[in-house]
Amino acid sequence: MAQPRITTSVAAVLTVFLTEPDSPRYGLELMHATGQPSGTLYPILTRLQQAGWVEGEWERADASEMGRPPRRYYQLTPDGVAAGRAALATLRRSLGITGDPATGLA
C-alpha cells in the first residue's frame, strides 16, 4: 500500500483522529472539526483507507428512524495510529514545530 502524501489537509484530518484514536468519526463531524469541504475530505479518507490507515463502516442503526441519512464511520487502524503519529511528528520537525500537538507544550 502506498503511503499517503501528508499535506496540511491530511495532517488536519489525522490530528482529529489522533485526539481520540479509538473513537470512530463520521464525515460531517470531520468536516466541522477540520474545516475541510466534502470535496477535500472524502478523497483524503479514500487515500487513508487505501493506505490501510483508516477503516470505514456504515452505521448499523436505522438512520431513517432518526430522520437523517445513514452515516459512514471512519476509524484509524492500529497501523494508522502509528503511521499517523510518525507522519505528524515528521511534519512538525520539518516545520520546526516542537511540543505536543494536542497541548502545544514542549
PDB file of N, CA and C in Angstrom:
ATOM      1  N   MET A   1       0.832  -1.186   0.000  1.00  0.00           N
ATOM      2  CA  MET A   1       0.000   0.000   0.000  1.00  0.00           C
ATOM      3  C   MET A   1       0.875   1.246   0.000  1.00  0.00           C
ATOM      4  N   ALA A   2       0.507   2.175  -0.836  1.00  0.00           N
ATOM      5  CA  ALA A   2       1.267   3.420  -0.938  1.00  0.00           C
ATOM      6  C   ALA A   2       0.995   4.312   0.269  1.00  0.00           C
ATOM      7  N   GLN A   3       2.035   4.965   0.721  1.00  0.00           N
ATOM      8  CA  GLN A   3       1.889   5.913   1.826  1.00  0.00           C
ATOM      9  C   GLN A   3       1.238   7.187   1.285  1.00  0.00           C
ATOM     10  N   PRO A   4       0.264   7.733   1.991  1.00  0.00           N
ATOM     11  CA  PRO A   4      -0.340   8.982   1.520  1.00  0.00           C
ATOM     12  C   PRO A   4       0.619  10.156   1.709  1.00  0.00           C
ATOM     13  N   ARG A   5       0.518  11.111   0.806  1.00  0.00           N
ATOM     14  CA  ARG A   5       1.301  12.342   0.934  1.00  0.00           C
ATOM     15  C   ARG A   5       0.680  13.161   2.060  1.00  0.00           C
ATOM     16  N   ILE A   6       1.501  13.648   2.969  1.00  0.00           N
ATOM     17  CA  ILE A   6       0.994  14.372   4.138  1.00  0.00           C
ATOM     18  C   ILE A   6       0.971  15.870   3.838  1.00  0.00           C
ATOM     19  N   THR A   7      -0.183  16.311   3.370  1.00  0.00           N
ATOM     20  CA  THR A   7      -0.421  17.734   3.142  1.00  0.00           C
ATOM     21  C   THR A   7      -0.979  18.332   4.431  1.00  0.00           C
ATOM     22  N   THR A   8      -1.155  19.638   4.450  1.00  0.00           N
ATOM     23  CA  THR A   8      -1.753  20.251   5.642  1.00  0.00           C
ATOM     24  C   THR A   8      -3.186  19.758   5.847  1.00  0.00           C
ATOM     25  N   SER A   9      -3.898  19.481   4.760  1.00  0.00           N
ATOM     26  CA  SER A   9      -5.266  18.961   4.880  1.00  0.00           C
ATOM     27  C   SER A   9      -5.268  17.558   5.470  1.00  0.00           C
ATOM     28  N   VAL A  10      -4.359  16.714   5.011  1.00  0.00           N
ATOM     29  CA  VAL A  10      -4.249  15.355   5.558  1.00  0.00           C
ATOM     30  C   VAL A  10      -3.828  15.435   7.021  1.00  0.00           C
ATOM     31  N   ALA A  11      -2.897  16.318   7.328  1.00  0.00           N
ATOM     32  CA  ALA A  11      -2.444  16.483   8.716  1.00  0.00           C
ATOM     33  C   ALA A  11      -3.599  16.905   9.616  1.00  0.00           C
ATOM     34  N   ALA A  12      -4.469  17.771   9.127  1.00  0.00           N
ATOM     35  CA  ALA A  12      -5.622  18.205   9.929  1.00  0.00           C
ATOM     36  C   ALA A  12      -6.544  17.030  10.232  1.00  0.00           C
ATOM     37  N   VAL A  13      -6.785  16.185   9.234  1.00  0.00           N
ATOM     38  CA  VAL A  13      -7.649  15.014   9.435  1.00  0.00           C
ATOM     39  C   VAL A  13      -6.995  14.046  10.420  1.00  0.00           C
ATOM     40  N   LEU A  14      -5.711  13.770  10.237  1.00  0.00           N
ATOM     41  CA  LEU A  14      -5.010  12.864  11.154  1.00  0.00           C
ATOM     42  C   LEU A  14      -5.013  13.404  12.576  1.00  0.00           C
ATOM     43  N   THR A  15      -4.838  14.700  12.726  1.00  0.00           N
ATOM     44  CA  THR A  15      -4.831  15.306  14.057  1.00  0.00           C
ATOM     45  C   THR A  15      -6.157  15.079  14.764  1.00  0.00           C
ATOM     46  N   VAL A  16      -7.265  15.240  14.047  1.00  0.00           N
ATOM     47  CA  VAL A  16      -8.578  14.998  14.652  1.00  0.00           C
ATOM     48  C   VAL A  16      -8.703  13.536  15.061  1.00  0.00           C
ATOM     49  N   PHE A  17      -8.338  12.626  14.173  1.00  0.00           N
ATOM     50  CA  PHE A  17      -8.411  11.201  14.511  1.00  0.00           C
ATOM     51  C   PHE A  17      -7.548  10.877  15.728  1.00  0.00           C
ATOM     52  N   LEU A  18      -6.360  11.454  15.786  1.00  0.00           N
ATOM     53  CA  LEU A  18      -5.413  11.099  16.845  1.00  0.00           C
ATOM     54  C   LEU A  18      -5.749  11.715  18.197  1.00  0.00           C
ATOM     55  N   THR A  19      -6.668  12.676  18.252  1.00  0.00           N
ATOM     56  CA  THR A  19      -7.072  13.206  19.555  1.00  0.00           C
ATOM     57  C   THR A  19      -7.795  12.139  20.364  1.00  0.00           C
ATOM     58  N   GLU A  20      -8.507  11.252  19.686  1.00  0.00           N
ATOM     59  CA  GLU A  20      -9.164  10.094  20.304  1.00  0.00           C
ATOM     60  C   GLU A  20      -9.093   8.948  19.305  1.00  0.00           C
ATOM     61  N   PRO A  21      -7.954   8.257  19.238  1.00  0.00           N
ATOM     62  CA  PRO A  21      -7.742   7.262  18.187  1.00  0.00           C
ATOM     63  C   PRO A  21      -8.732   6.095  18.195  1.00  0.00           C
ATOM     64  N   ASP A  22      -9.357   5.820  19.322  1.00  0.00           N
ATOM     65  CA  ASP A  22     -10.296   4.702  19.387  1.00  0.00           C
ATOM     66  C   ASP A  22     -11.729   5.109  19.075  1.00  0.00           C
ATOM     67  N   SER A  23     -11.952   6.386  18.789  1.00  0.00           N
ATOM     68  CA  SER A  23     -13.308   6.877  18.533  1.00  0.00           C
ATOM     69  C   SER A  23     -13.576   6.971  17.036  1.00  0.00           C
ATOM     70  N   PRO A  24     -14.607   6.270  16.564  1.00  0.00           N
ATOM     71  CA  PRO A  24     -14.988   6.422  15.153  1.00  0.00           C
ATOM     72  C   PRO A  24     -15.541   7.822  14.906  1.00  0.00           C
ATOM     73  N   ARG A  25     -15.333   8.316  13.708  1.00  0.00           N
ATOM     74  CA  ARG A  25     -15.799   9.656  13.323  1.00  0.00           C
ATOM     75  C   ARG A  25     -16.569   9.535  12.008  1.00  0.00           C
ATOM     76  N   TYR A  26     -17.603  10.345  11.844  1.00  0.00           N
ATOM     77  CA  TYR A  26     -18.324  10.347  10.571  1.00  0.00           C
ATOM     78  C   TYR A  26     -17.954  11.599   9.781  1.00  0.00           C
ATOM     79  N   GLY A  27     -18.251  11.573   8.495  1.00  0.00           N
ATOM     80  CA  GLY A  27     -17.790  12.610   7.587  1.00  0.00           C
ATOM     81  C   GLY A  27     -18.115  14.030   7.999  1.00  0.00           C
ATOM     82  N   LEU A  28     -19.378  14.308   8.310  1.00  0.00           N
ATOM     83  CA  LEU A  28     -19.759  15.676   8.664  1.00  0.00           C
ATOM     84  C   LEU A  28     -19.034  16.140   9.927  1.00  0.00           C
ATOM     85  N   GLU A  29     -18.858  15.229  10.863  1.00  0.00           N
ATOM     86  CA  GLU A  29     -18.113  15.547  12.088  1.00  0.00           C
ATOM     87  C   GLU A  29     -16.676  15.953  11.739  1.00  0.00           C
ATOM     88  N   LEU A  30     -16.053  15.194  10.839  1.00  0.00           N
ATOM     89  CA  LEU A  30     -14.686  15.510  10.415  1.00  0.00           C
ATOM     90  C   LEU A  30     -14.633  16.829   9.643  1.00  0.00           C
ATOM     91  N   MET A  31     -15.658  17.082   8.823  1.00  0.00           N
ATOM     92  CA  MET A  31     -15.700  18.344   8.083  1.00  0.00           C
ATOM     93  C   MET A  31     -15.744  19.530   9.041  1.00  0.00           C
ATOM     94  N   HIS A  32     -16.578  19.433  10.071  1.00  0.00           N
ATOM     95  CA  HIS A  32     -16.672  20.520  11.054  1.00  0.00           C
ATOM     96  C   HIS A  32     -15.369  20.670  11.842  1.00  0.00           C
ATOM     97  N   ALA A  33     -14.776  19.551  12.239  1.00  0.00           N
ATOM     98  CA  ALA A  33     -13.570  19.599  13.071  1.00  0.00           C
ATOM     99  C   ALA A  33     -12.353  20.126  12.315  1.00  0.00           C
ATOM    100  N   THR A  34     -12.287  19.843  11.011  1.00  0.00           N
ATOM    101  CA  THR A  34     -11.106  20.237  10.233  1.00  0.00           C
ATOM    102  C   THR A  34     -11.315  21.490   9.393  1.00  0.00           C
ATOM    103  N   GLY A  35     -12.568  21.846   9.152  1.00  0.00           N
ATOM    104  CA  GLY A  35     -12.848  22.957   8.250  1.00  0.00           C
ATOM    105  C   GLY A  35     -12.702  22.587   6.784  1.00  0.00           C
ATOM    106  N   GLN A  36     -12.533  21.292   6.505  1.00  0.00           N
ATOM    107  CA  GLN A  36     -12.371  20.825   5.128  1.00  0.00           C
ATOM    108  C   GLN A  36     -13.733  20.642   4.470  1.00  0.00           C
ATOM    109  N   PRO A  37     -13.897  21.063   3.210  1.00  0.00           N
ATOM    110  CA  PRO A  37     -15.137  20.767   2.498  1.00  0.00           C
ATOM    111  C   PRO A  37     -15.175  19.289   2.102  1.00  0.00           C
ATOM    112  N   SER A  38     -16.358  18.807   1.773  1.00  0.00           N
ATOM    113  CA  SER A  38     -16.506  17.386   1.433  1.00  0.00           C
ATOM    114  C   SER A  38     -15.628  16.992   0.254  1.00  0.00           C
ATOM    115  N   GLY A  39     -15.448  17.892  -0.716  1.00  0.00           N
ATOM    116  CA  GLY A  39     -14.630  17.590  -1.885  1.00  0.00           C
ATOM    117  C   GLY A  39     -13.151  17.436  -1.573  1.00  0.00           C
ATOM    118  N   THR A  40     -12.728  17.877  -0.421  1.00  0.00           N
ATOM    119  CA  THR A  40     -11.355  17.677   0.055  1.00  0.00           C
ATOM    120  C   THR A  40     -11.294  16.503   1.016  1.00  0.00           C
ATOM    121  N   LEU A  41     -12.255  16.438   1.932  1.00  0.00           N
ATOM    122  CA  LEU A  41     -12.224  15.428   2.986  1.00  0.00           C
ATOM    123  C   LEU A  41     -12.357  14.007   2.450  1.00  0.00           C
ATOM    124  N   TYR A  42     -13.353  13.756   1.617  1.00  0.00           N
ATOM    125  CA  TYR A  42     -13.604  12.379   1.206  1.00  0.00           C
ATOM    126  C   TYR A  42     -12.478  11.772   0.365  1.00  0.00           C
ATOM    127  N   PRO A  43     -11.837  12.525  -0.528  1.00  0.00           N
ATOM    128  CA  PRO A  43     -10.652  11.960  -1.185  1.00  0.00           C
ATOM    129  C   PRO A  43      -9.519  11.642  -0.201  1.00  0.00           C
ATOM    130  N   ILE A  44      -9.366  12.462   0.834  1.00  0.00           N
ATOM    131  CA  ILE A  44      -8.357  12.174   1.866  1.00  0.00           C
ATOM    132  C   ILE A  44      -8.699  10.867   2.566  1.00  0.00           C
ATOM    133  N   LEU A  45      -9.958  10.702   2.957  1.00  0.00           N
ATOM    134  CA  LEU A  45     -10.369   9.463   3.626  1.00  0.00           C
ATOM    135  C   LEU A  45     -10.150   8.256   2.723  1.00  0.00           C
ATOM    136  N   THR A  46     -10.420   8.407   1.428  1.00  0.00           N
ATOM    137  CA  THR A  46     -10.188   7.313   0.479  1.00  0.00           C
ATOM    138  C   THR A  46      -8.712   6.954   0.427  1.00  0.00           C
ATOM    139  N   ARG A  47      -7.840   7.969   0.351  1.00  0.00           N
ATOM    140  CA  ARG A  47      -6.395   7.693   0.313  1.00  0.00           C
ATOM    141  C   ARG A  47      -5.914   7.045   1.610  1.00  0.00           C
ATOM    142  N   LEU A  48      -6.434   7.505   2.740  1.00  0.00           N
ATOM    143  CA  LEU A  48      -6.045   6.906   4.023  1.00  0.00           C
ATOM    144  C   LEU A  48      -6.544   5.466   4.122  1.00  0.00           C
ATOM    145  N   GLN A  49      -7.718   5.189   3.555  1.00  0.00           N
ATOM    146  CA  GLN A  49      -8.212   3.811   3.535  1.00  0.00           C
ATOM    147  C   GLN A  49      -7.335   2.947   2.633  1.00  0.00           C
ATOM    148  N   GLN A  50      -6.979   3.451   1.466  1.00  0.00           N
ATOM    149  CA  GLN A  50      -6.137   2.693   0.540  1.00  0.00           C
ATOM    150  C   GLN A  50      -4.774   2.390   1.148  1.00  0.00           C
ATOM    151  N   ALA A  51      -4.294   3.274   2.001  1.00  0.00           N
ATOM    152  CA  ALA A  51      -3.003   3.065   2.674  1.00  0.00           C
ATOM    153  C   ALA A  51      -3.126   2.115   3.861  1.00  0.00           C
ATOM    154  N   GLY A  52      -4.367   1.775   4.240  1.00  0.00           N
ATOM    155  CA  GLY A  52      -4.571   0.901   5.391  1.00  0.00           C
ATOM    156  C   GLY A  52      -4.530   1.632   6.720  1.00  0.00           C
ATOM    157  N   TRP A  53      -4.581   2.958   6.687  1.00  0.00           N
ATOM    158  CA  TRP A  53      -4.521   3.752   7.917  1.00  0.00           C
ATOM    159  C   TRP A  53      -5.891   3.943   8.543  1.00  0.00           C
ATOM    160  N   VAL A  54      -6.943   3.882   7.725  1.00  0.00           N
ATOM    161  CA  VAL A  54      -8.312   4.131   8.177  1.00  0.00           C
ATOM    162  C   VAL A  54      -9.214   3.032   7.640  1.00  0.00           C
ATOM    163  N   GLU A  55     -10.193   2.651   8.449  1.00  0.00           N
ATOM    164  CA  GLU A  55     -11.246   1.736   8.009  1.00  0.00           C
ATOM    165  C   GLU A  55     -12.567   2.476   8.079  1.00  0.00           C
ATOM    166  N   GLY A  56     -13.459   2.168   7.148  1.00  0.00           N
ATOM    167  CA  GLY A  56     -14.778   2.785   7.144  1.00  0.00           C
ATOM    168  C   GLY A  56     -15.858   1.731   7.241  1.00  0.00           C
ATOM    169  N   GLU A  57     -16.942   2.086   7.908  1.00  0.00           N
ATOM    170  CA  GLU A  57     -18.052   1.151   8.083  1.00  0.00           C
ATOM    171  C   GLU A  57     -19.347   1.952   8.210  1.00  0.00           C
ATOM    172  N   TRP A  58     -20.403   1.469   7.539  1.00  0.00           N
ATOM    173  CA  TRP A  58     -21.703   2.116   7.670  1.00  0.00           C
ATOM    174  C   TRP A  58     -22.283   1.817   9.033  1.00  0.00           C
ATOM    175  N   GLU A  59     -22.973   2.800   9.600  1.00  0.00           N
ATOM    176  CA  GLU A  59     -23.588   2.603  10.909  1.00  0.00           C
ATOM    177  C   GLU A  59     -24.637   1.505  10.823  1.00  0.00           C
ATOM    178  N   ARG A  60     -24.869   0.869  11.939  1.00  0.00           N
ATOM    179  CA  ARG A  60     -25.827  -0.234  11.997  1.00  0.00           C
ATOM    180  C   ARG A  60     -27.232   0.236  12.365  1.00  0.00           C
ATOM    181  N   ALA A  61     -27.339   1.394  12.961  1.00  0.00           N
ATOM    182  CA  ALA A  61     -28.645   1.930  13.361  1.00  0.00           C
ATOM    183  C   ALA A  61     -29.439   2.334  12.120  1.00  0.00           C
ATOM    184  N   ASP A  62     -30.749   2.342  12.254  1.00  0.00           N
ATOM    185  CA  ASP A  62     -31.620   2.763  11.163  1.00  0.00           C
ATOM    186  C   ASP A  62     -31.718   4.285  11.180  1.00  0.00           C
ATOM    187  N   ALA A  63     -30.945   4.918  10.323  1.00  0.00           N
ATOM    188  CA  ALA A  63     -30.877   6.381  10.298  1.00  0.00           C
ATOM    189  C   ALA A  63     -32.211   7.002   9.917  1.00  0.00           C
ATOM    190  N   SER A  64     -33.006   6.300   9.105  1.00  0.00           N
ATOM    191  CA  SER A  64     -34.297   6.874   8.697  1.00  0.00           C
ATOM    192  C   SER A  64     -35.208   7.069   9.898  1.00  0.00           C
ATOM    193  N   GLU A  65     -35.071   6.213  10.906  1.00  0.00           N
ATOM    194  CA  GLU A  65     -35.853   6.391  12.131  1.00  0.00           C
ATOM    195  C   GLU A  65     -35.418   7.643  12.888  1.00  0.00           C
ATOM    196  N   MET A  66     -34.174   8.061  12.671  1.00  0.00           N
ATOM    197  CA  MET A  66     -33.649   9.256  13.330  1.00  0.00           C
ATOM    198  C   MET A  66     -33.814  10.495  12.457  1.00  0.00           C
ATOM    199  N   GLY A  67     -34.400  10.311  11.272  1.00  0.00           N
ATOM    200  CA  GLY A  67     -34.662  11.440  10.393  1.00  0.00           C
ATOM    201  C   GLY A  67     -33.437  12.035   9.730  1.00  0.00           C
ATOM    202  N   ARG A  68     -32.460  11.182   9.414  1.00  0.00           N
ATOM    203  CA  ARG A  68     -31.243  11.666   8.761  1.00  0.00           C
ATOM    204  C   ARG A  68     -30.680  10.565   7.870  1.00  0.00           C
ATOM    205  N   PRO A  69     -29.776  10.937   6.980  1.00  0.00           N
ATOM    206  CA  PRO A  69     -29.140   9.920   6.138  1.00  0.00           C
ATOM    207  C   PRO A  69     -28.237   9.011   6.973  1.00  0.00           C
ATOM    208  N   PRO A  70     -27.960   7.798   6.485  1.00  0.00           N
ATOM    209  CA  PRO A  70     -27.032   6.921   7.210  1.00  0.00           C
ATOM    210  C   PRO A  70     -25.628   7.525   7.238  1.00  0.00           C
ATOM    211  N   ARG A  71     -24.920   7.228   8.292  1.00  0.00           N
ATOM    212  CA  ARG A  71     -23.557   7.735   8.457  1.00  0.00           C
ATOM    213  C   ARG A  71     -22.553   6.623   8.183  1.00  0.00           C
ATOM    214  N   ARG A  72     -21.457   7.013   7.566  1.00  0.00           N
ATOM    215  CA  ARG A  72     -20.322   6.110   7.415  1.00  0.00           C
ATOM    216  C   ARG A  72     -19.298   6.565   8.446  1.00  0.00           C
ATOM    217  N   TYR A  73     -18.917   5.650   9.309  1.00  0.00           N
ATOM    218  CA  TYR A  73     -17.952   5.963  10.361  1.00  0.00           C
ATOM    219  C   TYR A  73     -16.562   5.513   9.933  1.00  0.00           C
ATOM    220  N   TYR A  74     -15.581   6.334  10.245  1.00  0.00           N
ATOM    221  CA  TYR A  74     -14.183   6.072   9.920  1.00  0.00           C
ATOM    222  C   TYR A  74     -13.394   6.016  11.214  1.00  0.00           C
ATOM    223  N   GLN A  75     -12.415   5.108  11.238  1.00  0.00           N
ATOM    224  CA  GLN A  75     -11.577   4.975  12.426  1.00  0.00           C
ATOM    225  C   GLN A  75     -10.173   4.585  12.004  1.00  0.00           C
ATOM    226  N   LEU A  76      -9.200   5.108  12.727  1.00  0.00           N
ATOM    227  CA  LEU A  76      -7.813   4.725  12.469  1.00  0.00           C
ATOM    228  C   LEU A  76      -7.606   3.253  12.794  1.00  0.00           C
ATOM    229  N   THR A  77      -6.833   2.576  11.964  1.00  0.00           N
ATOM    230  CA  THR A  77      -6.396   1.220  12.262  1.00  0.00           C
ATOM    231  C   THR A  77      -5.203   1.316  13.212  1.00  0.00           C
ATOM    232  N   PRO A  78      -4.797   0.214  13.835  1.00  0.00           N
ATOM    233  CA  PRO A  78      -3.579   0.275  14.657  1.00  0.00           C
ATOM    234  C   PRO A  78      -2.369   0.773  13.856  1.00  0.00           C
ATOM    235  N   ASP A  79      -2.237   0.302  12.602  1.00  0.00           N
ATOM    236  CA  ASP A  79      -1.146   0.801  11.755  1.00  0.00           C
ATOM    237  C   ASP A  79      -1.316   2.285  11.471  1.00  0.00           C
ATOM    238  N   GLY A  80      -2.570   2.720  11.314  1.00  0.00           N
ATOM    239  CA  GLY A  80      -2.848   4.125  11.052  1.00  0.00           C
ATOM    240  C   GLY A  80      -2.493   5.020  12.220  1.00  0.00           C
ATOM    241  N   VAL A  81      -2.719   4.523  13.431  1.00  0.00           N
ATOM    242  CA  VAL A  81      -2.353   5.299  14.625  1.00  0.00           C
ATOM    243  C   VAL A  81      -0.841   5.517  14.641  1.00  0.00           C
ATOM    244  N   ALA A  82      -0.095   4.431  14.463  1.00  0.00           N
ATOM    245  CA  ALA A  82       1.370   4.533  14.495  1.00  0.00           C
ATOM    246  C   ALA A  82       1.888   5.378  13.335  1.00  0.00           C
ATOM    247  N   ALA A  83       1.389   5.111  12.132  1.00  0.00           N
ATOM    248  CA  ALA A  83       1.858   5.841  10.952  1.00  0.00           C
ATOM    249  C   ALA A  83       1.447   7.310  11.014  1.00  0.00           C
ATOM    250  N   GLY A  84       0.240   7.576  11.490  1.00  0.00           N
ATOM    251  CA  GLY A  84      -0.231   8.953  11.605  1.00  0.00           C
ATOM    252  C   GLY A  84       0.599   9.752  12.592  1.00  0.00           C
ATOM    253  N   ARG A  85       0.888   9.148  13.731  1.00  0.00           N
ATOM    254  CA  ARG A  85       1.728   9.837  14.725  1.00  0.00           C
ATOM    255  C   ARG A  85       3.111  10.123  14.163  1.00  0.00           C
ATOM    256  N   ALA A  86       3.677   9.121  13.478  1.00  0.00           N
ATOM    257  CA  ALA A  86       5.010   9.302  12.899  1.00  0.00           C
ATOM    258  C   ALA A  86       4.989  10.379  11.814  1.00  0.00           C
ATOM    259  N   ALA A  87       3.964  10.366  10.973  1.00  0.00           N
ATOM    260  CA  ALA A  87       3.870  11.351   9.893  1.00  0.00           C
ATOM    261  C   ALA A  87       3.725  12.763  10.443  1.00  0.00           C
ATOM    262  N   LEU A  88       2.900  12.926  11.481  1.00  0.00           N
ATOM    263  CA  LEU A  88       2.729  14.258  12.071  1.00  0.00           C
ATOM    264  C   LEU A  88       4.001  14.719  12.773  1.00  0.00           C
ATOM    265  N   ALA A  89       4.704  13.793  13.416  1.00  0.00           N
ATOM    266  CA  ALA A  89       5.969  14.155  14.069  1.00  0.00           C
ATOM    267  C   ALA A  89       6.990  14.607  13.031  1.00  0.00           C
ATOM    268  N   THR A  90       7.060  13.897  11.911  1.00  0.00           N
ATOM    269  CA  THR A  90       7.977  14.275  10.832  1.00  0.00           C
ATOM    270  C   THR A  90       7.609  15.640  10.271  1.00  0.00           C
ATOM    271  N   LEU A  91       6.321  15.867  10.069  1.00  0.00           N
ATOM    272  CA  LEU A  91       5.864  17.162   9.559  1.00  0.00           C
ATOM    273  C   LEU A  91       6.213  18.284  10.535  1.00  0.00           C
ATOM    274  N   ARG A  92       5.970  18.059  11.821  1.00  0.00           N
ATOM    275  CA  ARG A  92       6.290  19.087  12.827  1.00  0.00           C
ATOM    276  C   ARG A  92       7.790  19.401  12.822  1.00  0.00           C
ATOM    277  N   ARG A  93       8.618  18.348  12.760  1.00  0.00           N
ATOM    278  CA  ARG A  93      10.074  18.569  12.734  1.00  0.00           C
ATOM    279  C   ARG A  93      10.477  19.364  11.491  1.00  0.00           C
ATOM    280  N   SER A  94       9.903  19.008  10.346  1.00  0.00           N
ATOM    281  CA  SER A  94      10.280  19.701   9.103  1.00  0.00           C
ATOM    282  C   SER A  94       9.852  21.165   9.120  1.00  0.00           C
ATOM    283  N   LEU A  95       8.819  21.474   9.892  1.00  0.00           N
ATOM    284  CA  LEU A  95       8.350  22.857  10.019  1.00  0.00           C
ATOM    285  C   LEU A  95       8.967  23.579  11.212  1.00  0.00           C
ATOM    286  N   GLY A  96       9.798  22.858  11.979  1.00  0.00           N
ATOM    287  CA  GLY A  96      10.445  23.459  13.142  1.00  0.00           C
ATOM    288  C   GLY A  96       9.515  23.653  14.322  1.00  0.00           C
ATOM    289  N   ILE A  97       8.452  22.858  14.378  1.00  0.00           N
ATOM    290  CA  ILE A  97       7.483  22.958  15.470  1.00  0.00           C
ATOM    291  C   ILE A  97       7.861  21.940  16.539  1.00  0.00           C
ATOM    292  N   THR A  98       7.914  22.383  17.792  1.00  0.00           N
ATOM    293  CA  THR A  98       8.220  21.470  18.888  1.00  0.00           C
ATOM    294  C   THR A  98       7.017  21.357  19.800  1.00  0.00           C
ATOM    295  N   GLY A  99       7.029  20.337  20.634  1.00  0.00           N
ATOM    296  CA  GLY A  99       5.973  20.171  21.631  1.00  0.00           C
ATOM    297  C   GLY A  99       4.884  19.221  21.183  1.00  0.00           C
ATOM    298  N   ASP A 100       3.985  18.984  22.087  1.00  0.00           N
ATOM    299  CA  ASP A 100       2.850  18.097  21.876  1.00  0.00           C
ATOM    300  C   ASP A 100       1.801  18.838  21.052  1.00  0.00           C
ATOM    301  N   PRO A 101       1.387  18.269  19.900  1.00  0.00           N
ATOM    302  CA  PRO A 101       0.426  18.983  19.062  1.00  0.00           C
ATOM    303  C   PRO A 101      -0.933  19.165  19.727  1.00  0.00           C
ATOM    304  N   ALA A 102      -1.274  18.299  20.661  1.00  0.00           N
ATOM    305  CA  ALA A 102      -2.576  18.398  21.325  1.00  0.00           C
ATOM    306  C   ALA A 102      -2.595  19.521  22.356  1.00  0.00           C
ATOM    307  N   THR A 103      -1.452  19.735  23.029  1.00  0.00           N
ATOM    308  CA  THR A 103      -1.431  20.730  24.106  1.00  0.00           C
ATOM    309  C   THR A 103      -0.608  21.961  23.772  1.00  0.00           C
ATOM    310  N   GLY A 104       0.314  21.808  22.813  1.00  0.00           N
ATOM    311  CA  GLY A 104       1.202  22.918  22.488  1.00  0.00           C
ATOM    312  C   GLY A 104       2.355  23.062  23.463  1.00  0.00           C
ATOM    313  N   LEU A 105       2.465  22.145  24.430  1.00  0.00           N
ATOM    314  CA  LEU A 105       3.535  22.205  25.429  1.00  0.00           C
ATOM    315  C   LEU A 105       4.752  21.436  24.952  1.00  0.00           C
ATOM    316  N   ALA A 106       5.913  21.908  25.312  1.00  0.00           N
ATOM    317  CA  ALA A 106       7.160  21.235  24.936  1.00  0.00           C
ATOM    318  C   ALA A 106       7.358  19.978  25.734  1.00  0.00           C
TER     319      ALA A 106
END
